Amino acid sequence: MGRILASFDVEPTLIAMSSDEKWAYVSTQNPQMIRVYDTSNFKAPVPVASVDLGSLSRNRLFLELSPDEKI
């Protein structure tokens, strides 16, 4: 059985893990959002950021991690 990253109030359309499995990127359709979770502790993932895509005027969104692992 797979690992549970987090529970959601809406159905995720995409869940992607970073290559080191430290971050989970979750996108949802309605509301149109991207949520980022710190998955260092898989039993208790911590939400660290969320972006409401409906409020952005740009077509593309880039999330960037700084060297100190902040978003």
PDB file of N, CA and C in Angstrom:
ATOM      1  N   MET A   1       0.839  -1.184   0.000  1.00  0.00           N
ATOM      2  CA  MET A   1       0.000   0.000   0.000  1.00  0.00           C
ATOM      3  C   MET A   1       0.880   1.242   0.000  1.00  0.00           C
ATOM      4  N   GLY A   2       0.460   2.285  -0.706  1.00  0.00           N
ATOM      5  CA  GLY A   2       1.225   3.525  -0.791  1.00  0.00           C
ATOM      6  C   GLY A   2       1.181   4.323   0.494  1.00  0.00           C
ATOM      7  N   ARG A   3       2.025   5.310   0.566  1.00  0.00           N
ATOM      8  CA  ARG A   3       2.065   6.179   1.734  1.00  0.00           C
ATOM      9  C   ARG A   3       0.986   7.246   1.624  1.00  0.00           C
ATOM     10  N   ILE A   4       0.406   7.610   2.730  1.00  0.00           N
ATOM     11  CA  ILE A   4      -0.583   8.687   2.759  1.00  0.00           C
ATOM     12  C   ILE A   4       0.162   9.987   3.021  1.00  0.00           C
ATOM     13  N   LEU A   5       0.014  10.940   2.101  1.00  0.00           N
ATOM     14  CA  LEU A   5       0.714  12.219   2.258  1.00  0.00           C
ATOM     15  C   LEU A   5      -0.095  13.198   3.079  1.00  0.00           C
ATOM     16  N   ALA A   6      -1.375  13.253   2.824  1.00  0.00           N
ATOM     17  CA  ALA A   6      -2.234  14.202   3.529  1.00  0.00           C
ATOM     18  C   ALA A   6      -3.672  13.901   3.158  1.00  0.00           C
ATOM     19  N   SER A   7      -4.597  14.416   3.923  1.00  0.00           N
ATOM     20  CA  SER A   7      -6.005  14.271   3.557  1.00  0.00           C
ATOM     21  C   SER A   7      -6.481  15.604   2.990  1.00  0.00           C
ATOM     22  N   PHE A   8      -7.441  15.532   2.074  1.00  0.00           N
ATOM     23  CA  PHE A   8      -7.862  16.729   1.360  1.00  0.00           C
ATOM     24  C   PHE A   8      -9.366  16.902   1.434  1.00  0.00           C
ATOM     25  N   ASP A   9      -9.804  18.153   1.396  1.00  0.00           N
ATOM     26  CA  ASP A   9     -11.233  18.427   1.345  1.00  0.00           C
ATOM     27  C   ASP A   9     -11.744  18.381  -0.091  1.00  0.00           C
ATOM     28  N   VAL A  10     -10.846  18.354  -1.066  1.00  0.00           N
ATOM     29  CA  VAL A  10     -11.206  18.208  -2.478  1.00  0.00           C
ATOM     30  C   VAL A  10     -10.312  17.131  -3.083  1.00  0.00           C
ATOM     31  N   GLU A  11     -10.738  16.566  -4.206  1.00  0.00           N
ATOM     32  CA  GLU A  11      -9.972  15.490  -4.819  1.00  0.00           C
ATOM     33  C   GLU A  11      -8.749  16.042  -5.548  1.00  0.00           C
ATOM     34  N   PRO A  12      -7.552  15.547  -5.214  1.00  0.00           N
ATOM     35  CA  PRO A  12      -6.351  16.024  -5.903  1.00  0.00           C
ATOM     36  C   PRO A  12      -6.345  15.586  -7.365  1.00  0.00           C
ATOM     37  N   THR A  13      -5.865  16.447  -8.250  1.00  0.00           N
ATOM     38  CA  THR A  13      -5.724  16.075  -9.653  1.00  0.00           C
ATOM     39  C   THR A  13      -4.302  15.630  -9.952  1.00  0.00           C
ATOM     40  N   LEU A  14      -3.354  16.045  -9.125  1.00  0.00           N
ATOM     41  CA  LEU A  14      -1.962  15.642  -9.333  1.00  0.00           C
ATOM     42  C   LEU A  14      -1.222  15.704  -8.005  1.00  0.00           C
ATOM     43  N   ILE A  15      -0.471  14.649  -7.715  1.00  0.00           N
ATOM     44  CA  ILE A  15       0.420  14.655  -6.553  1.00  0.00           C
ATOM     45  C   ILE A  15       1.800  14.289  -7.061  1.00  0.00           C
ATOM     46  N   ALA A  16       2.776  15.137  -6.822  1.00  0.00           N
ATOM     47  CA  ALA A  16       4.142  14.873  -7.267  1.00  0.00           C
ATOM     48  C   ALA A  16       5.085  15.027  -6.086  1.00  0.00           C
ATOM     49  N   MET A  17       6.073  14.143  -6.027  1.00  0.00           N
ATOM     50  CA  MET A  17       7.080  14.216  -4.978  1.00  0.00           C
ATOM     51  C   MET A  17       8.368  14.775  -5.564  1.00  0.00           C
ATOM     52  N   SER A  18       9.103  15.515  -4.746  1.00  0.00           N
ATOM     53  CA  SER A  18      10.430  15.944  -5.173  1.00  0.00           C
ATOM     54  C   SER A  18      11.334  14.710  -5.222  1.00  0.00           C
ATOM     55  N   SER A  19      12.446  14.791  -5.937  1.00  0.00           N
ATOM     56  CA  SER A  19      13.314  13.621  -6.115  1.00  0.00           C
ATOM     57  C   SER A  19      13.869  13.102  -4.786  1.00  0.00           C
ATOM     58  N   ASP A  20      14.052  13.983  -3.804  1.00  0.00           N
ATOM     59  CA  ASP A  20      14.541  13.540  -2.500  1.00  0.00           C
ATOM     60  C   ASP A  20      13.400  13.184  -1.543  1.00  0.00           C
ATOM     61  N   GLU A  21      12.165  13.229  -2.039  1.00  0.00           N
ATOM     62  CA  GLU A  21      10.955  12.907  -1.271  1.00  0.00           C
ATOM     63  C   GLU A  21      10.772  13.804  -0.052  1.00  0.00           C
ATOM     64  N   LYS A  22      11.337  15.010  -0.087  1.00  0.00           N
ATOM     65  CA  LYS A  22      11.152  15.947   1.030  1.00  0.00           C
ATOM     66  C   LYS A  22       9.895  16.781   0.860  1.00  0.00           C
ATOM     67  N   TRP A  23       9.466  17.013  -0.391  1.00  0.00           N
ATOM     68  CA  TRP A  23       8.327  17.874  -0.655  1.00  0.00           C
ATOM     69  C   TRP A  23       7.282  17.149  -1.487  1.00  0.00           C
ATOM     70  N   ALA A  24       6.020  17.388  -1.186  1.00  0.00           N
ATOM     71  CA  ALA A  24       4.922  16.897  -2.021  1.00  0.00           C
ATOM     72  C   ALA A  24       4.204  18.110  -2.589  1.00  0.00           C
ATOM     73  N   TYR A  25       3.974  18.086  -3.885  1.00  0.00           N
ATOM     74  CA  TYR A  25       3.258  19.163  -4.572  1.00  0.00           C
ATOM     75  C   TYR A  25       1.898  18.607  -4.977  1.00  0.00           C
ATOM     76  N   VAL A  26       0.836  19.233  -4.521  1.00  0.00           N
ATOM     77  CA  VAL A  26      -0.514  18.728  -4.751  1.00  0.00           C
ATOM     78  C   VAL A  26      -1.328  19.795  -5.457  1.00  0.00           C
ATOM     79  N   SER A  27      -1.898  19.450  -6.592  1.00  0.00           N
ATOM     80  CA  SER A  27      -2.767  20.410  -7.274  1.00  0.00           C
ATOM     81  C   SER A  27      -4.203  19.909  -7.215  1.00  0.00           C
ATOM     82  N   THR A  28      -5.137  20.828  -7.138  1.00  0.00           N
ATOM     83  CA  THR A  28      -6.562  20.498  -7.094  1.00  0.00           C
ATOM     84  C   THR A  28      -7.291  21.324  -8.148  1.00  0.00           C
ATOM     85  N   GLN A  29      -8.415  20.794  -8.616  1.00  0.00           N
ATOM     86  CA  GLN A  29      -9.166  21.429  -9.689  1.00  0.00           C
ATOM     87  C   GLN A  29     -10.113  22.516  -9.171  1.00  0.00           C
ATOM     88  N   ASN A  30     -10.842  22.230  -8.115  1.00  0.00           N
ATOM     89  CA  ASN A  30     -11.840  23.179  -7.628  1.00  0.00           C
ATOM     90  C   ASN A  30     -11.829  23.179  -6.101  1.00  0.00           C
ATOM     91  N   PRO A  31     -11.249  24.114  -5.406  1.00  0.00           N
ATOM     92  CA  PRO A  31     -10.641  25.316  -5.967  1.00  0.00           C
ATOM     93  C   PRO A  31      -9.334  24.971  -6.672  1.00  0.00           C
ATOM     94  N   GLN A  32      -8.965  25.804  -7.616  1.00  0.00           N
ATOM     95  CA  GLN A  32      -7.760  25.573  -8.405  1.00  0.00           C
ATOM     96  C   GLN A  32      -6.560  26.049  -7.598  1.00  0.00           C
ATOM     97  N   MET A  33      -5.890  25.098  -6.962  1.00  0.00           N
ATOM     98  CA  MET A  33      -4.802  25.441  -6.042  1.00  0.00           C
ATOM     99  C   MET A  33      -3.633  24.495  -6.201  1.00  0.00           C
ATOM    100  N   ILE A  34      -2.477  24.945  -5.772  1.00  0.00           N
ATOM    101  CA  ILE A  34      -1.326  24.075  -5.567  1.00  0.00           C
ATOM    102  C   ILE A  34      -0.954  24.196  -4.096  1.00  0.00           C
ATOM    103  N   ARG A  35      -0.820  23.060  -3.439  1.00  0.00           N
ATOM    104  CA  ARG A  35      -0.417  23.044  -2.036  1.00  0.00           C
ATOM    105  C   ARG A  35       0.907  22.303  -1.942  1.00  0.00           C
ATOM    106  N   VAL A  36       1.778  22.766  -1.070  1.00  0.00           N
ATOM    107  CA  VAL A  36       3.087  22.142  -0.894  1.00  0.00           C
ATOM    108  C   VAL A  36       3.184  21.647   0.543  1.00  0.00           C
ATOM    109  N   TYR A  37       3.635  20.401   0.693  1.00  0.00           N
ATOM    110  CA  TYR A  37       3.768  19.790   2.014  1.00  0.00           C
ATOM    111  C   TYR A  37       5.210  19.381   2.249  1.00  0.00           C
ATOM    112  N   ASP A  38       5.693  19.612   3.470  1.00  0.00           N
ATOM    113  CA  ASP A  38       6.989  19.091   3.893  1.00  0.00           C
ATOM    114  C   ASP A  38       6.739  17.657   4.344  1.00  0.00           C
ATOM    115  N   THR A  39       7.327  16.694   3.642  1.00  0.00           N
ATOM    116  CA  THR A  39       7.081  15.286   3.947  1.00  0.00           C
ATOM    117  C   THR A  39       8.279  14.633   4.633  1.00  0.00           C
ATOM    118  N   SER A  40       9.081  15.422   5.336  1.00  0.00           N
ATOM    119  CA  SER A  40      10.211  14.861   6.078  1.00  0.00           C
ATOM    120  C   SER A  40       9.727  13.761   7.016  1.00  0.00           C
ATOM    121  N   ASN A  41       8.607  14.011   7.664  1.00  0.00           N
ATOM    122  CA  ASN A  41       7.972  13.010   8.516  1.00  0.00           C
ATOM    123  C   ASN A  41       6.713  12.553   7.790  1.00  0.00           C
ATOM    124  N   PHE A  42       6.765  11.392   7.142  1.00  0.00           N
ATOM    125  CA  PHE A  42       5.644  10.941   6.317  1.00  0.00           C
ATOM    126  C   PHE A  42       4.379  10.691   7.123  1.00  0.00           C
ATOM    127  N   LYS A  43       4.530  10.454   8.432  1.00  0.00           N
ATOM    128  CA  LYS A  43       3.342  10.208   9.251  1.00  0.00           C
ATOM    129  C   LYS A  43       2.607  11.496   9.577  1.00  0.00           C
ATOM    130  N   ALA A  44       3.300  12.612   9.479  1.00  0.00           N
ATOM    131  CA  ALA A  44       2.671  13.899   9.797  1.00  0.00           C
ATOM    132  C   ALA A  44       3.177  14.978   8.845  1.00  0.00           C
ATOM    133  N   PRO A  45       2.760  14.936   7.562  1.00  0.00           N
ATOM    134  CA  PRO A  45       3.206  15.972   6.624  1.00  0.00           C
ATOM    135  C   PRO A  45       2.713  17.349   7.048  1.00  0.00           C
ATOM    136  N   VAL A  46       3.543  18.343   6.841  1.00  0.00           N
ATOM    137  CA  VAL A  46       3.229  19.701   7.272  1.00  0.00           C
ATOM    138  C   VAL A  46       2.981  20.579   6.047  1.00  0.00           C
ATOM    139  N   PRO A  47       1.800  21.236   5.971  1.00  0.00           N
ATOM    140  CA  PRO A  47       1.587  22.171   4.860  1.00  0.00           C
ATOM    141  C   PRO A  47       2.492  23.384   5.028  1.00  0.00           C
ATOM    142  N   VAL A  48       3.224  23.733   3.972  1.00  0.00           N
ATOM    143  CA  VAL A  48       4.152  24.863   4.068  1.00  0.00           C
ATOM    144  C   VAL A  48       3.787  26.008   3.135  1.00  0.00           C
ATOM    145  N   ALA A  49       2.985  25.741   2.126  1.00  0.00           N
ATOM    146  CA  ALA A  49       2.604  26.817   1.208  1.00  0.00           C
ATOM    147  C   ALA A  49       1.383  26.400   0.407  1.00  0.00           C
ATOM    148  N   SER A  50       0.622  27.382  -0.012  1.00  0.00           N
ATOM    149  CA  SER A  50      -0.481  27.122  -0.944  1.00  0.00           C
ATOM    150  C   SER A  50      -0.637  28.344  -1.834  1.00  0.00           C
ATOM    151  N   VAL A  51      -0.985  28.082  -3.077  1.00  0.00           N
ATOM    152  CA  VAL A  51      -1.154  29.153  -4.049  1.00  0.00           C
ATOM    153  C   VAL A  51      -2.510  28.986  -4.703  1.00  0.00           C
ATOM    154  N   ASP A  52      -3.330  30.019  -4.649  1.00  0.00           N
ATOM    155  CA  ASP A  52      -4.636  30.008  -5.304  1.00  0.00           C
ATOM    156  C   ASP A  52      -4.436  30.414  -6.754  1.00  0.00           C
ATOM    157  N   LEU A  53      -4.507  29.432  -7.654  1.00  0.00           N
ATOM    158  CA  LEU A  53      -4.257  29.720  -9.068  1.00  0.00           C
ATOM    159  C   LEU A  53      -5.346  30.583  -9.680  1.00  0.00           C
ATOM    160  N   GLY A  54      -6.537  30.548  -9.117  1.00  0.00           N
ATOM    161  CA  GLY A  54      -7.632  31.356  -9.633  1.00  0.00           C
ATOM    162  C   GLY A  54      -7.393  32.845  -9.459  1.00  0.00           C
ATOM    163  N   SER A  55      -6.529  33.214  -8.505  1.00  0.00           N
ATOM    164  CA  SER A  55      -6.284  34.635  -8.256  1.00  0.00           C
ATOM    165  C   SER A  55      -5.064  35.156  -9.011  1.00  0.00           C
ATOM    166  N   LEU A  56      -4.399  34.285  -9.768  1.00  0.00           N
ATOM    167  CA  LEU A  56      -3.206  34.711 -10.502  1.00  0.00           C
ATOM    168  C   LEU A  56      -3.573  35.092 -11.926  1.00  0.00           C
ATOM    169  N   SER A  57      -2.974  36.140 -12.414  1.00  0.00           N
ATOM    170  CA  SER A  57      -3.244  36.549 -13.791  1.00  0.00           C
ATOM    171  C   SER A  57      -2.265  35.906 -14.769  1.00  0.00           C
ATOM    172  N   ARG A  58      -1.202  35.302 -14.252  1.00  0.00           N
ATOM    173  CA  ARG A  58      -0.204  34.678 -15.118  1.00  0.00           C
ATOM    174  C   ARG A  58      -0.635  33.273 -15.518  1.00  0.00           C
ATOM    175  N   ASN A  59      -0.169  32.827 -16.669  1.00  0.00           N
ATOM    176  CA  ASN A  59      -0.485  31.481 -17.132  1.00  0.00           C
ATOM    177  C   ASN A  59       0.381  30.414 -16.484  1.00  0.00           C
ATOM    178  N   ARG A  60       1.558  30.795 -16.043  1.00  0.00           N
ATOM    179  CA  ARG A  60       2.483  29.812 -15.486  1.00  0.00           C
ATOM    180  C   ARG A  60       2.872  30.210 -14.064  1.00  0.00           C
ATOM    181  N   LEU A  61       3.156  29.186 -13.277  1.00  0.00           N
ATOM    182  CA  LEU A  61       3.541  29.414 -11.891  1.00  0.00           C
ATOM    183  C   LEU A  61       4.781  28.584 -11.602  1.00  0.00           C
ATOM    184  N   PHE A  62       5.762  29.177 -10.953  1.00  0.00           N
ATOM    185  CA  PHE A  62       6.976  28.459 -10.615  1.00  0.00           C
ATOM    186  C   PHE A  62       7.176  28.549  -9.109  1.00  0.00           C
ATOM    187  N   LEU A  63       7.365  27.403  -8.470  1.00  0.00           N
ATOM    188  CA  LEU A  63       7.702  27.368  -7.057  1.00  0.00           C
ATOM    189  C   LEU A  63       9.200  27.111  -6.970  1.00  0.00           C
ATOM    190  N   GLU A  64       9.877  27.899  -6.189  1.00  0.00           N
ATOM    191  CA  GLU A  64      11.328  27.787  -6.113  1.00  0.00           C
ATOM    192  C   GLU A  64      11.739  27.602  -4.666  1.00  0.00           C
ATOM    193  N   LEU A  65      12.622  26.636  -4.419  1.00  0.00           N
ATOM    194  CA  LEU A  65      13.138  26.407  -3.080  1.00  0.00           C
ATOM    195  C   LEU A  65      14.498  27.074  -2.962  1.00  0.00           C
ATOM    196  N   SER A  66      14.679  27.862  -1.921  1.00  0.00           N
ATOM    197  CA  SER A  66      15.964  28.502  -1.685  1.00  0.00           C
ATOM    198  C   SER A  66      16.895  27.487  -1.008  1.00  0.00           C
ATOM    199  N   PRO A  67      18.195  27.797  -0.895  1.00  0.00           N
ATOM    200  CA  PRO A  67      19.127  26.844  -0.269  1.00  0.00           C
ATOM    201  C   PRO A  67      18.738  26.444   1.152  1.00  0.00           C
ATOM    202  N   ASP A  68      18.027  27.309   1.875  1.00  0.00           N
ATOM    203  CA  ASP A  68      17.617  26.942   3.230  1.00  0.00           C
ATOM    204  C   ASP A  68      16.270  26.221   3.227  1.00  0.00           C
ATOM    205  N   GLU A  69      15.843  25.746   2.055  1.00  0.00           N
ATOM    206  CA  GLU A  69      14.640  24.935   1.869  1.00  0.00           C
ATOM    207  C   GLU A  69      13.356  25.690   2.162  1.00  0.00           C
ATOM    208  N   LYS A  70      13.372  27.001   2.040  1.00  0.00           N
ATOM    209  CA  LYS A  70      12.155  27.792   2.163  1.00  0.00           C
ATOM    210  C   LYS A  70      11.557  27.988   0.785  1.00  0.00           C
ATOM    211  N   ILE A  71      10.254  28.147   0.731  1.00  0.00           N
ATOM    212  CA  ILE A  71       9.583  28.334  -0.563  1.00  0.00           C
ATOM    213  C   ILE A  71       9.392  29.811  -0.829  1.00  0.00           C
TER     214      ILE A  71
END
